[in-house]
């Protein structure tokens, strides 16, 4: 089995729930996040990689993550295929409350590519757990998004852009993941050629 067929793209929480909080959604960084995720999905499909759609649910809460309200679904513009794997989590990371690990092992996956919402929360935590489980992890920073953290008791506020940058620094420098861009994954040969020409 070649390297590409052992790769899974994990699309984390790219779901309608977030857009049901208009004020929060308006503060999200990276307005092109769904465009970049769509490019990653198209690339993964063409390469024969596993595409996994992860959603977050908070049953019984009555909020936008309560499945009863109907918003715990992937945003329509990303158009998941019926044949693609879907898991719904109730924890921050995509592994603890799902059978994702078993599914990846069954598909002989050794490498995971992570994108989605929120950069420093569900995406980062999934990357850390995936690394601990022995997967090679690639974190596509420009295919993630988050919003500002407002100051609170005992902690300072952090802008969304700073959160994305800090997450990349922590994951990359501590070797939890390789930090990549959408372009680097979709057109790796062009990136190598451009680097060699410098």
C-alpha atoms as a PDB file:
ATOM      1  CA  UNK A   1       0.000   0.000   0.000  1.00  0.00           C
ATOM      2  CA  UNK A   2       1.495   3.364  -0.954  1.00  0.00           C
ATOM      3  CA  UNK A   3       1.891   6.352   1.327  1.00  0.00           C
ATOM      4  CA  UNK A   4      -1.074   8.294  -0.036  1.00  0.00           C
ATOM      5  CA  UNK A   5      -3.569   5.489   0.630  1.00  0.00           C
ATOM      6  CA  UNK A   6      -2.418   5.411   4.254  1.00  0.00           C
ATOM      7  CA  UNK A   7      -3.313   9.074   4.814  1.00  0.00           C
ATOM      8  CA  UNK A   8      -6.526  10.392   6.340  1.00  0.00           C
ATOM      9  CA  UNK A   9      -7.769  13.968   6.130  1.00  0.00           C
ATOM     10  CA  UNK A  10      -9.560  14.828   9.379  1.00  0.00           C
ATOM     11  CA  UNK A  11     -12.001  17.702   8.921  1.00  0.00           C
ATOM     12  CA  UNK A  12     -12.747  18.828  12.462  1.00  0.00           C
ATOM     13  CA  UNK A  13     -16.049  20.519  13.372  1.00  0.00           C
ATOM     14  CA  UNK A  14     -16.613  22.337  10.069  1.00  0.00           C
ATOM     15  CA  UNK A  15     -20.238  22.416  11.052  1.00  0.00           C
ATOM     16  CA  UNK A  16     -23.252  24.680  10.921  1.00  0.00           C
ATOM     17  CA  UNK A  17     -23.336  25.104  14.715  1.00  0.00           C
ATOM     18  CA  UNK A  18     -20.702  27.846  14.629  1.00  0.00           C
ATOM     19  CA  UNK A  19     -22.606  29.989  12.136  1.00  0.00           C
ATOM     20  CA  UNK A  20     -25.603  29.926  14.456  1.00  0.00           C
ATOM     21  CA  UNK A  21     -23.623  32.277  16.723  1.00  0.00           C
ATOM     22  CA  UNK A  22     -23.406  35.267  14.338  1.00  0.00           C
ATOM     23  CA  UNK A  23     -21.416  37.555  16.640  1.00  0.00           C
ATOM     24  CA  UNK A  24     -18.809  34.870  17.306  1.00  0.00           C
ATOM     25  CA  UNK A  25     -18.691  33.772  13.670  1.00  0.00           C
ATOM     26  CA  UNK A  26     -18.111  37.364  12.537  1.00  0.00           C
ATOM     27  CA  UNK A  27     -14.953  37.465  14.687  1.00  0.00           C
ATOM     28  CA  UNK A  28     -13.494  34.293  13.184  1.00  0.00           C
ATOM     29  CA  UNK A  29     -10.080  34.675  11.586  1.00  0.00           C
ATOM     30  CA  UNK A  30      -9.300  33.277   8.130  1.00  0.00           C
ATOM     31  CA  UNK A  31     -12.451  33.959   6.093  1.00  0.00           C
ATOM     32  CA  UNK A  32     -11.211  31.522   3.431  1.00  0.00           C
ATOM     33  CA  UNK A  33     -11.198  28.536   5.765  1.00  0.00           C
ATOM     34  CA  UNK A  34     -13.948  26.620   3.939  1.00  0.00           C
ATOM     35  CA  UNK A  35     -12.320  27.313   0.567  1.00  0.00           C
ATOM     36  CA  UNK A  36      -9.052  25.849   1.844  1.00  0.00           C
ATOM     37  CA  UNK A  37     -10.770  22.869   3.437  1.00  0.00           C
ATOM     38  CA  UNK A  38     -12.588  22.216   0.156  1.00  0.00           C
ATOM     39  CA  UNK A  39      -9.241  22.208  -1.681  1.00  0.00           C
ATOM     40  CA  UNK A  40      -7.831  19.720   0.826  1.00  0.00           C
ATOM     41  CA  UNK A  41     -10.884  17.486   0.458  1.00  0.00           C
ATOM     42  CA  UNK A  42     -10.658  17.537  -3.337  1.00  0.00           C
ATOM     43  CA  UNK A  43      -6.958  16.705  -3.147  1.00  0.00           C
ATOM     44  CA  UNK A  44      -7.519  13.884  -0.655  1.00  0.00           C
ATOM     45  CA  UNK A  45     -10.230  12.355  -2.829  1.00  0.00           C
ATOM     46  CA  UNK A  46      -8.111  12.521  -5.975  1.00  0.00           C
ATOM     47  CA  UNK A  47      -5.193  10.901  -4.114  1.00  0.00           C
ATOM     48  CA  UNK A  48      -7.357   8.077  -2.782  1.00  0.00           C
ATOM     49  CA  UNK A  49      -6.976   9.210   0.814  1.00  0.00           C
ATOM     50  CA  UNK A  50      -9.534   8.624   3.541  1.00  0.00           C
ATOM     51  CA  UNK A  51     -11.687  11.676   4.276  1.00  0.00           C
ATOM     52  CA  UNK A  52     -13.113  11.793   7.796  1.00  0.00           C
ATOM     53  CA  UNK A  53     -15.791  14.295   8.800  1.00  0.00           C
ATOM     54  CA  UNK A  54     -15.769  14.975  12.541  1.00  0.00           C
ATOM     55  CA  UNK A  55     -18.607  16.894  14.189  1.00  0.00           C
ATOM     56  CA  UNK A  56     -19.093  17.962  17.791  1.00  0.00           C
ATOM     57  CA  UNK A  57     -22.294  17.344  19.741  1.00  0.00           C
ATOM     58  CA  UNK A  58     -23.533  18.354  23.172  1.00  0.00           C
ATOM     59  CA  UNK A  59     -26.749  16.356  23.575  1.00  0.00           C
ATOM     60  CA  UNK A  60     -29.417  17.695  25.895  1.00  0.00           C
ATOM     61  CA  UNK A  61     -27.922  21.178  26.239  1.00  0.00           C
ATOM     62  CA  UNK A  62     -30.440  22.996  24.074  1.00  0.00           C
ATOM     63  CA  UNK A  63     -27.615  24.967  22.453  1.00  0.00           C
ATOM     64  CA  UNK A  64     -26.293  25.090  18.904  1.00  0.00           C
ATOM     65  CA  UNK A  65     -24.316  21.869  19.477  1.00  0.00           C
ATOM     66  CA  UNK A  66     -27.398  19.945  20.603  1.00  0.00           C
ATOM     67  CA  UNK A  67     -28.240  17.496  17.785  1.00  0.00           C
ATOM     68  CA  UNK A  68     -31.939  18.079  18.404  1.00  0.00           C
ATOM     69  CA  UNK A  69     -31.649  21.570  16.877  1.00  0.00           C
ATOM     70  CA  UNK A  70     -30.279  20.227  13.598  1.00  0.00           C
ATOM     71  CA  UNK A  71     -27.059  22.253  13.376  1.00  0.00           C
ATOM     72  CA  UNK A  72     -24.647  19.395  14.116  1.00  0.00           C
ATOM     73  CA  UNK A  73     -23.964  18.839  10.433  1.00  0.00           C
ATOM     74  CA  UNK A  74     -21.100  19.642   8.093  1.00  0.00           C
ATOM     75  CA  UNK A  75     -21.613  22.977   6.304  1.00  0.00           C
ATOM     76  CA  UNK A  76     -23.412  22.382   3.018  1.00  0.00           C
ATOM     77  CA  UNK A  77     -20.716  23.909   0.806  1.00  0.00           C
ATOM     78  CA  UNK A  78     -18.222  21.190   1.763  1.00  0.00           C
ATOM     79  CA  UNK A  79     -20.611  18.504   0.482  1.00  0.00           C
ATOM     80  CA  UNK A  80     -19.447  15.280   2.208  1.00  0.00           C
ATOM     81  CA  UNK A  81     -19.918  12.069   0.253  1.00  0.00           C
ATOM     82  CA  UNK A  82     -22.119   9.359   1.712  1.00  0.00           C
ATOM     83  CA  UNK A  83     -19.228   6.910   1.357  1.00  0.00           C
ATOM     84  CA  UNK A  84     -16.899   8.993   3.532  1.00  0.00           C
ATOM     85  CA  UNK A  85     -16.359   8.257   7.198  1.00  0.00           C
ATOM     86  CA  UNK A  86     -18.203  10.389   9.767  1.00  0.00           C
ATOM     87  CA  UNK A  87     -17.801  10.466  13.534  1.00  0.00           C
ATOM     88  CA  UNK A  88     -19.482  12.627  16.142  1.00  0.00           C
ATOM     89  CA  UNK A  89     -17.559  13.459  19.289  1.00  0.00           C
ATOM     90  CA  UNK A  90     -18.602  14.806  22.659  1.00  0.00           C
ATOM     91  CA  UNK A  91     -15.034  15.500  23.831  1.00  0.00           C
ATOM     92  CA  UNK A  92     -12.684  18.239  22.656  1.00  0.00           C
ATOM     93  CA  UNK A  93     -10.422  15.847  20.720  1.00  0.00           C
ATOM     94  CA  UNK A  94     -11.735  13.557  17.992  1.00  0.00           C
ATOM     95  CA  UNK A  95     -10.538  10.300  19.583  1.00  0.00           C
ATOM     96  CA  UNK A  96     -11.637   9.997  23.218  1.00  0.00           C
ATOM     97  CA  UNK A  97     -15.403   9.628  22.681  1.00  0.00           C
ATOM     98  CA  UNK A  98     -15.401   8.034  19.218  1.00  0.00           C
ATOM     99  CA  UNK A  99     -14.063   4.936  17.492  1.00  0.00           C
ATOM    100  CA  UNK A 100     -11.860   7.076  15.216  1.00  0.00           C
ATOM    101  CA  UNK A 101      -8.628   5.405  16.307  1.00  0.00           C
ATOM    102  CA  UNK A 102      -9.978   1.945  15.513  1.00  0.00           C
ATOM    103  CA  UNK A 103     -11.311   3.136  12.158  1.00  0.00           C
ATOM    104  CA  UNK A 104      -7.942   4.612  11.184  1.00  0.00           C
ATOM    105  CA  UNK A 105      -6.109   1.451  12.215  1.00  0.00           C
ATOM    106  CA  UNK A 106      -8.542  -0.667  10.188  1.00  0.00           C
ATOM    107  CA  UNK A 107      -7.767   1.480   7.134  1.00  0.00           C
ATOM    108  CA  UNK A 108      -4.020   1.149   7.785  1.00  0.00           C
ATOM    109  CA  UNK A 109      -3.688   4.911   8.208  1.00  0.00           C
ATOM    110  CA  UNK A 110      -0.289   6.092   9.410  1.00  0.00           C
ATOM    111  CA  UNK A 111      -0.554   9.819   8.629  1.00  0.00           C
ATOM    112  CA  UNK A 112      -3.323  12.282   9.468  1.00  0.00           C
ATOM    113  CA  UNK A 113      -3.856  15.747   8.035  1.00  0.00           C
ATOM    114  CA  UNK A 114      -5.822  18.060  10.322  1.00  0.00           C
ATOM    115  CA  UNK A 115      -7.980  21.076   9.464  1.00  0.00           C
ATOM    116  CA  UNK A 116     -11.188  22.653  10.764  1.00  0.00           C
ATOM    117  CA  UNK A 117     -12.562  24.676  13.684  1.00  0.00           C
ATOM    118  CA  UNK A 118     -11.227  25.777  16.275  1.00  0.00           C
ATOM    119  CA  UNK A 119      -7.489  26.006  15.719  1.00  0.00           C
ATOM    120  CA  UNK A 120      -6.332  25.993  19.343  1.00  0.00           C
ATOM    121  CA  UNK A 121      -9.108  23.854  20.727  1.00  0.00           C
ATOM    122  CA  UNK A 122     -10.497  20.813  18.903  1.00  0.00           C
ATOM    123  CA  UNK A 123      -7.946  20.887  16.069  1.00  0.00           C
ATOM    124  CA  UNK A 124      -4.894  21.275  18.294  1.00  0.00           C
ATOM    125  CA  UNK A 125      -6.104  18.745  20.851  1.00  0.00           C
ATOM    126  CA  UNK A 126      -6.808  16.194  18.136  1.00  0.00           C
ATOM    127  CA  UNK A 127      -3.307  16.753  16.742  1.00  0.00           C
ATOM    128  CA  UNK A 128      -1.721  16.159  20.151  1.00  0.00           C
ATOM    129  CA  UNK A 129      -3.677  12.966  20.779  1.00  0.00           C
ATOM    130  CA  UNK A 130      -2.983  11.700  17.254  1.00  0.00           C
ATOM    131  CA  UNK A 131       0.724  12.265  17.829  1.00  0.00           C
ATOM    132  CA  UNK A 132       0.576  10.404  21.149  1.00  0.00           C
ATOM    133  CA  UNK A 133      -1.165   7.511  19.379  1.00  0.00           C
ATOM    134  CA  UNK A 134       1.754   7.245  16.968  1.00  0.00           C
ATOM    135  CA  UNK A 135       0.362   8.912  13.865  1.00  0.00           C
ATOM    136  CA  UNK A 136       2.424  11.224  11.705  1.00  0.00           C
ATOM    137  CA  UNK A 137       0.531  14.529  11.933  1.00  0.00           C
ATOM    138  CA  UNK A 138       0.327  17.406   9.488  1.00  0.00           C
ATOM    139  CA  UNK A 139      -1.512  20.495  10.727  1.00  0.00           C
ATOM    140  CA  UNK A 140      -2.832  22.784   7.991  1.00  0.00           C
ATOM    141  CA  UNK A 141      -2.906  26.112   9.776  1.00  0.00           C
ATOM    142  CA  UNK A 142      -4.524  28.139   6.979  1.00  0.00           C
ATOM    143  CA  UNK A 143      -7.340  25.566   6.781  1.00  0.00           C
ATOM    144  CA  UNK A 144      -8.271  26.184  10.428  1.00  0.00           C
ATOM    145  CA  UNK A 145      -9.969  29.117  12.090  1.00  0.00           C
ATOM    146  CA  UNK A 146     -10.870  30.433  15.507  1.00  0.00           C
ATOM    147  CA  UNK A 147     -12.078  33.612  17.205  1.00  0.00           C
ATOM    148  CA  UNK A 148     -10.596  35.945  19.794  1.00  0.00           C
ATOM    149  CA  UNK A 149     -10.361  34.957  23.430  1.00  0.00           C
ATOM    150  CA  UNK A 150     -11.643  37.766  25.618  1.00  0.00           C
ATOM    151  CA  UNK A 151      -9.814  38.476  28.907  1.00  0.00           C
ATOM    152  CA  UNK A 152     -11.107  36.596  31.923  1.00  0.00           C
ATOM    153  CA  UNK A 153     -10.247  35.882  35.560  1.00  0.00           C
ATOM    154  CA  UNK A 154      -6.575  34.956  35.649  1.00  0.00           C
ATOM    155  CA  UNK A 155      -5.926  35.074  31.908  1.00  0.00           C
ATOM    156  CA  UNK A 156      -5.343  37.665  29.221  1.00  0.00           C
ATOM    157  CA  UNK A 157      -7.203  38.081  25.975  1.00  0.00           C
ATOM    158  CA  UNK A 158      -5.641  36.709  22.793  1.00  0.00           C
ATOM    159  CA  UNK A 159      -6.525  37.653  19.224  1.00  0.00           C
ATOM    160  CA  UNK A 160      -7.602  34.952  16.793  1.00  0.00           C
ATOM    161  CA  UNK A 161      -4.579  35.579  14.586  1.00  0.00           C
ATOM    162  CA  UNK A 162      -2.255  35.216  17.576  1.00  0.00           C
ATOM    163  CA  UNK A 163      -3.993  31.993  18.601  1.00  0.00           C
ATOM    164  CA  UNK A 164      -3.430  30.496  15.161  1.00  0.00           C
ATOM    165  CA  UNK A 165       0.207  31.593  15.155  1.00  0.00           C
ATOM    166  CA  UNK A 166       0.864  30.338  18.690  1.00  0.00           C
ATOM    167  CA  UNK A 167      -0.795  26.999  17.982  1.00  0.00           C
ATOM    168  CA  UNK A 168       1.437  26.493  14.956  1.00  0.00           C
ATOM    169  CA  UNK A 169       4.514  27.399  17.015  1.00  0.00           C
ATOM    170  CA  UNK A 170       3.644  25.042  19.867  1.00  0.00           C
ATOM    171  CA  UNK A 171       2.677  22.066  17.708  1.00  0.00           C
ATOM    172  CA  UNK A 172       5.616  22.529  15.364  1.00  0.00           C
ATOM    173  CA  UNK A 173       8.357  23.318  17.852  1.00  0.00           C
ATOM    174  CA  UNK A 174       7.309  20.570  20.261  1.00  0.00           C
ATOM    175  CA  UNK A 175       7.124  18.052  17.390  1.00  0.00           C
ATOM    176  CA  UNK A 176       3.462  17.198  17.799  1.00  0.00           C
ATOM    177  CA  UNK A 177       2.942  17.994  14.113  1.00  0.00           C
ATOM    178  CA  UNK A 178       4.466  19.304  10.934  1.00  0.00           C
ATOM    179  CA  UNK A 179       2.989  22.714  10.124  1.00  0.00           C
ATOM    180  CA  UNK A 180       1.955  23.050   6.497  1.00  0.00           C
ATOM    181  CA  UNK A 181      -0.203  25.248   4.278  1.00  0.00           C
ATOM    182  CA  UNK A 182      -2.998  24.190   1.981  1.00  0.00           C
ATOM    183  CA  UNK A 183      -0.843  25.047  -1.033  1.00  0.00           C
ATOM    184  CA  UNK A 184       2.039  22.901   0.217  1.00  0.00           C
ATOM    185  CA  UNK A 185      -0.238  19.886   0.484  1.00  0.00           C
ATOM    186  CA  UNK A 186      -2.201  20.403  -2.707  1.00  0.00           C
ATOM    187  CA  UNK A 187       0.821  21.246  -4.903  1.00  0.00           C
ATOM    188  CA  UNK A 188       3.857  19.739  -3.121  1.00  0.00           C
ATOM    189  CA  UNK A 189       5.967  19.454  -6.288  1.00  0.00           C
ATOM    190  CA  UNK A 190       5.536  23.139  -7.109  1.00  0.00           C
ATOM    191  CA  UNK A 191       6.515  24.060  -3.561  1.00  0.00           C
ATOM    192  CA  UNK A 192       9.704  21.975  -3.785  1.00  0.00           C
ATOM    193  CA  UNK A 193      10.582  23.509  -7.158  1.00  0.00           C
ATOM    194  CA  UNK A 194      10.063  27.039  -5.827  1.00  0.00           C
ATOM    195  CA  UNK A 195      12.239  26.307  -2.794  1.00  0.00           C
ATOM    196  CA  UNK A 196      15.030  24.879  -4.941  1.00  0.00           C
ATOM    197  CA  UNK A 197      14.983  27.944  -7.166  1.00  0.00           C
ATOM    198  CA  UNK A 198      15.673  30.314  -4.281  1.00  0.00           C
END
